[in-house]
Amino acid sequence: MKKYVIESISTLSGAPRTDGKHPQRVGSLVTMLDAVVSRPLTYAYITDKDGQFKEGSFTGNIIKELRTDEKTGDVEAVTQDSIFKFAATGEYDGGNHYIDKLLSDEELKTSITRTGVDDITCIDLDTLLKEIK
């Protein structure tokens, strides 16, 4: 499972998103939980933008378009109102108990599927939400 740094979050016109918590998300280290066109963008935090451990996940709007750079592994997800740019930084190797718990659960393991985007893992959102509760 790859890990990514959130490089930027912008409006569809390309302006940086400065509203809400968007500026705090930029720079966070994450791993993708769901990155499939026509489904909500979902990722789990590994660390915040300051490198501090962060527990939890983000579920955004429906993905309209998804692009992966074949050389770098970087991902761009276009949602209904934002463009998220993720820079690939290597493989997730454990250490975040929130993510490790999700990945160690046998029921979740069987629901992990491959998406159309190379090396992004998709976990069924309903199963994920049940596990978190």
Protein backbone atom coordinates (compact mmCIF):
# COMPACT_ATOMS: atom_id res chain seq x y z
CA MET A 1 0.00 0.00 0.00
CA LYS A 2 1.53 3.29 -1.08
CA LYS A 3 1.78 6.42 1.00
CA TYR A 4 1.41 9.95 -0.32
CA VAL A 5 1.97 13.53 0.74
CA ILE A 6 -0.95 15.83 -0.06
CA GLU A 7 0.78 18.38 -2.29
CA SER A 8 -2.17 20.64 -2.91
CA ILE A 9 -5.93 21.01 -2.79
CA SER A 10 -7.35 23.49 -5.26
CA THR A 11 -10.64 24.59 -6.74
CA LEU A 12 -11.60 23.31 -10.17
CA SER A 13 -10.27 26.61 -11.59
CA GLY A 14 -6.87 25.92 -9.98
CA ALA A 15 -6.96 28.40 -7.07
CA PRO A 16 -5.74 27.00 -3.72
CA ARG A 17 -8.56 25.94 -1.37
CA THR A 18 -8.26 28.22 1.65
CA ASP A 19 -11.64 27.41 3.19
CA GLY A 20 -12.37 25.01 6.02
CA LYS A 21 -9.65 22.53 6.97
CA HIS A 22 -8.19 22.26 3.47
CA PRO A 23 -5.02 24.28 4.29
CA GLN A 24 -4.36 22.02 7.31
CA ARG A 25 -4.58 18.89 5.14
CA VAL A 26 -1.87 20.01 2.69
CA GLY A 27 1.43 18.41 3.68
CA SER A 28 -0.16 15.49 5.53
CA LEU A 29 1.11 11.97 4.88
CA VAL A 30 -1.73 9.63 3.93
CA THR A 31 -2.57 6.27 2.43
CA MET A 32 -5.47 5.81 0.03
CA LEU A 33 -8.44 3.77 1.18
CA ASP A 34 -10.73 4.47 -1.75
CA ALA A 35 -9.73 6.05 -5.03
CA VAL A 36 -12.23 5.03 -7.69
CA VAL A 37 -14.03 7.23 -10.19
CA SER A 38 -17.69 7.73 -9.18
CA ARG A 39 -16.97 6.96 -5.50
CA PRO A 40 -15.94 9.32 -2.69
CA LEU A 41 -12.24 10.06 -2.28
CA THR A 42 -11.17 8.43 1.00
CA TYR A 43 -7.76 8.41 2.62
CA ALA A 44 -6.36 7.67 6.07
CA TYR A 45 -3.89 9.95 7.79
CA ILE A 46 -0.45 8.70 8.81
CA THR A 47 0.90 12.06 10.01
CA ASP A 48 -0.25 15.67 9.89
CA LYS A 49 1.57 18.40 7.96
CA ASP A 50 3.98 18.87 10.89
CA GLY A 51 4.94 15.18 10.92
CA GLN A 52 2.98 14.38 14.08
CA PHE A 53 1.06 11.09 14.28
CA LYS A 54 -2.54 11.63 13.19
CA GLU A 55 -5.39 9.17 13.60
CA GLY A 56 -8.45 9.22 11.38
CA SER A 57 -9.54 9.40 7.81
CA PHE A 58 -11.05 11.81 5.31
CA THR A 59 -13.96 11.12 3.01
CA GLY A 60 -14.52 13.74 0.33
CA ASN A 61 -16.77 14.24 -2.63
CA ILE A 62 -17.28 11.85 -5.53
CA ILE A 63 -14.23 11.43 -7.77
CA LYS A 64 -14.94 12.57 -11.34
CA GLU A 65 -11.49 11.95 -12.78
CA LEU A 66 -8.34 10.18 -11.59
CA ARG A 67 -4.86 10.47 -13.07
CA THR A 68 -1.67 8.63 -12.11
CA ASP A 69 1.81 9.56 -13.28
CA GLU A 70 3.31 6.24 -14.37
CA LYS A 71 6.90 7.38 -13.65
CA THR A 72 6.45 8.92 -10.21
CA GLY A 73 3.26 7.26 -8.96
CA ASP A 74 1.81 10.67 -8.14
CA VAL A 75 -2.00 10.85 -8.18
CA GLU A 76 -4.41 13.64 -9.06
CA ALA A 77 -8.05 13.21 -8.04
CA VAL A 78 -10.66 15.60 -9.43
CA THR A 79 -13.80 15.65 -7.31
CA GLN A 80 -17.04 17.59 -7.73
CA ASP A 81 -15.45 20.76 -6.34
CA SER A 82 -11.71 20.20 -5.79
CA ILE A 83 -8.49 18.91 -7.28
CA PHE A 84 -6.33 16.89 -4.86
CA LYS A 85 -2.68 16.31 -5.80
CA PHE A 86 -0.84 13.50 -4.01
CA ALA A 87 2.93 12.90 -4.31
CA ALA A 88 3.93 9.24 -3.92
CA THR A 89 6.55 8.78 -1.19
CA GLY A 90 7.00 5.02 -0.96
CA GLU A 91 5.30 2.08 0.67
CA TYR A 92 3.33 2.24 3.90
CA ASP A 93 5.30 0.06 6.32
CA GLY A 94 3.15 0.17 9.43
CA GLY A 95 3.35 2.16 12.60
CA ASN A 96 -0.04 3.90 12.59
CA HIS A 97 -2.28 1.72 14.78
CA TYR A 98 -5.44 3.13 13.18
CA ILE A 99 -4.42 2.01 9.68
CA ASP A 100 -2.78 -1.19 10.92
CA LYS A 101 -6.05 -2.20 12.62
CA LEU A 102 -7.98 -1.61 9.40
CA LEU A 103 -5.52 -3.69 7.41
CA SER A 104 -5.28 -6.53 9.94
CA ASP A 105 -9.02 -7.19 10.17
CA GLU A 106 -9.87 -10.42 8.29
CA GLU A 107 -13.22 -9.09 7.06
CA LEU A 108 -11.57 -5.97 5.72
CA LYS A 109 -8.78 -7.99 4.10
CA THR A 110 -11.34 -9.86 2.03
CA SER A 111 -13.01 -6.61 0.97
CA ILE A 112 -9.79 -5.01 -0.31
CA THR A 113 -9.89 -4.83 -4.10
CA ARG A 114 -7.67 -3.45 -6.82
CA THR A 115 -8.80 -0.28 -8.54
CA GLY A 116 -8.10 1.06 -12.00
CA VAL A 117 -5.26 3.11 -10.51
CA ASP A 118 -1.98 1.27 -10.07
CA ASP A 119 -1.03 0.56 -6.45
CA ILE A 120 -4.02 2.26 -4.85
CA THR A 121 -6.05 0.04 -2.59
CA CYS A 122 -9.81 0.32 -2.27
CA ILE A 123 -11.62 -0.77 0.88
CA ASP A 124 -15.39 -1.01 0.75
CA LEU A 125 -16.57 2.19 2.46
CA ASP A 126 -19.53 0.56 4.24
CA THR A 127 -17.21 -2.03 5.79
CA LEU A 128 -14.74 0.67 6.77
CA LEU A 129 -17.38 2.77 8.48
CA LYS A 130 -18.69 -0.25 10.44
CA GLU A 131 -15.14 -1.02 11.60
CA ILE A 132 -14.51 2.54 12.79
CA LYS A 133 -17.74 2.60 14.86
